[in-house]
Protein backbone atom coordinates (compact mmCIF):
# COMPACT_ATOMS: atom_id res chain seq x y z
CA MET A 1 0.13 -0.24 0.08
CA ASN A 2 1.77 3.09 -1.23
CA ALA A 3 -0.34 6.37 -0.46
CA SER A 4 2.32 8.45 -2.73
CA LYS A 5 1.29 7.32 -5.87
CA ARG A 6 -2.32 8.47 -5.58
CA ARG A 7 -3.71 6.23 -7.98
CA CYS A 8 -6.28 3.34 -7.66
CA ASP A 9 -4.66 -0.24 -7.47
CA CYS A 10 -7.76 -1.70 -9.34
CA CYS A 11 -8.48 0.83 -12.34
CA GLY A 12 -5.55 3.36 -11.98
CA CYS A 13 -7.44 6.35 -11.82
CA GLY A 14 -6.31 9.34 -9.95
CA LEU A 15 -7.16 9.48 -6.20
CA TRP A 16 -7.61 12.25 -4.20
CA PHE A 17 -8.91 12.82 -0.43
CA GLY A 18 -12.52 12.11 -1.04
CA ASN A 19 -12.36 9.72 -3.44
CA ARG A 20 -10.16 7.01 -2.13
CA THR A 21 -10.09 4.18 0.92
CA THR A 22 -8.86 1.13 1.68
CA ASP A 23 -9.82 -2.17 1.07
CA HIS A 24 -9.14 -6.07 1.76
CA ILE A 25 -7.50 -7.78 -1.58
CA ILE A 26 -8.48 -11.08 -0.20
CA PRO A 27 -11.56 -10.17 2.09
CA ARG A 28 -11.47 -11.08 5.60
CA GLY A 29 -14.35 -13.34 5.27
CA LEU A 30 -13.08 -15.56 2.65
CA GLY A 31 -9.63 -16.08 4.93
CA GLY A 32 -7.85 -12.60 4.27
CA SER A 33 -5.97 -10.90 6.66
CA ASP A 34 -5.94 -7.71 8.08
CA THR A 35 -2.29 -6.84 7.77
CA ARG A 36 -1.17 -4.11 5.36
CA SER A 37 0.22 -6.64 2.65
CA ASN A 38 -3.56 -7.47 2.26
CA ARG A 39 -4.81 -3.94 1.85
CA GLN A 40 -4.85 -1.74 -1.33
CA TRP A 41 -5.83 1.58 -2.21
CA GLU A 42 -9.16 1.96 -3.98
CA CYS A 43 -11.53 4.56 -5.70
CA LEU A 44 -14.91 4.42 -4.35
CA SER A 45 -16.13 3.23 -7.71
CA CYS A 46 -13.89 0.32 -7.73
CA GLN A 47 -14.60 0.29 -3.83
CA ARG A 48 -18.61 -0.28 -4.72
CA ARG A 49 -18.02 -3.05 -7.75
CA LYS A 50 -15.77 -4.96 -5.65
CA ASN A 51 -18.29 -4.93 -2.63
CA LEU A 52 -21.20 -5.73 -4.76
CA LEU A 53 -18.96 -8.65 -6.43
CA GLU A 54 -18.30 -9.98 -2.79
CA THR A 55 -21.92 -9.83 -1.87
CA LEU A 56 -22.88 -11.66 -4.97
CA VAL A 57 -20.43 -14.33 -4.69
CA SER A 58 -21.07 -15.10 -0.87
CA GLY A 59 -24.97 -15.40 -1.57
CA VAL A 60 -24.29 -18.00 -4.21
CA LEU A 61 -21.86 -19.55 -2.20
CA ARG A 62 -24.91 -19.91 0.65
CA GLY A 63 -27.33 -20.63 -2.06
CA GLY A 64 -29.05 -17.53 -1.76
CA GLY A 65 -28.64 -16.62 -5.52
CA PHE A 66 -29.05 -13.36 -7.12
CA THR A 67 -32.36 -11.34 -6.48
CA GLY A 68 -31.71 -8.17 -8.14
CA ALA A 69 -31.84 -6.30 -4.71
CA GLU A 70 -28.16 -6.46 -4.41
CA ALA A 71 -27.61 -4.40 -7.70
CA ARG A 72 -29.97 -1.60 -6.25
CA ALA A 73 -27.97 -1.19 -3.21
């Protein structure tokens, strides 16, 4: 994780104070650690996209499937 580069680790767009966050590369719910090496800088768009994907995958793995409500969240 290198905040000085000011680029999203997912899409490469520029980051600024109101449009950046850190997120786990391997989600903690899937066995990822909370260490610095398992975190990356992301723009808010990439974080939302990644969170939606993780929600869909975890729902499918639990047998819940996709209802469409996740996409509207």
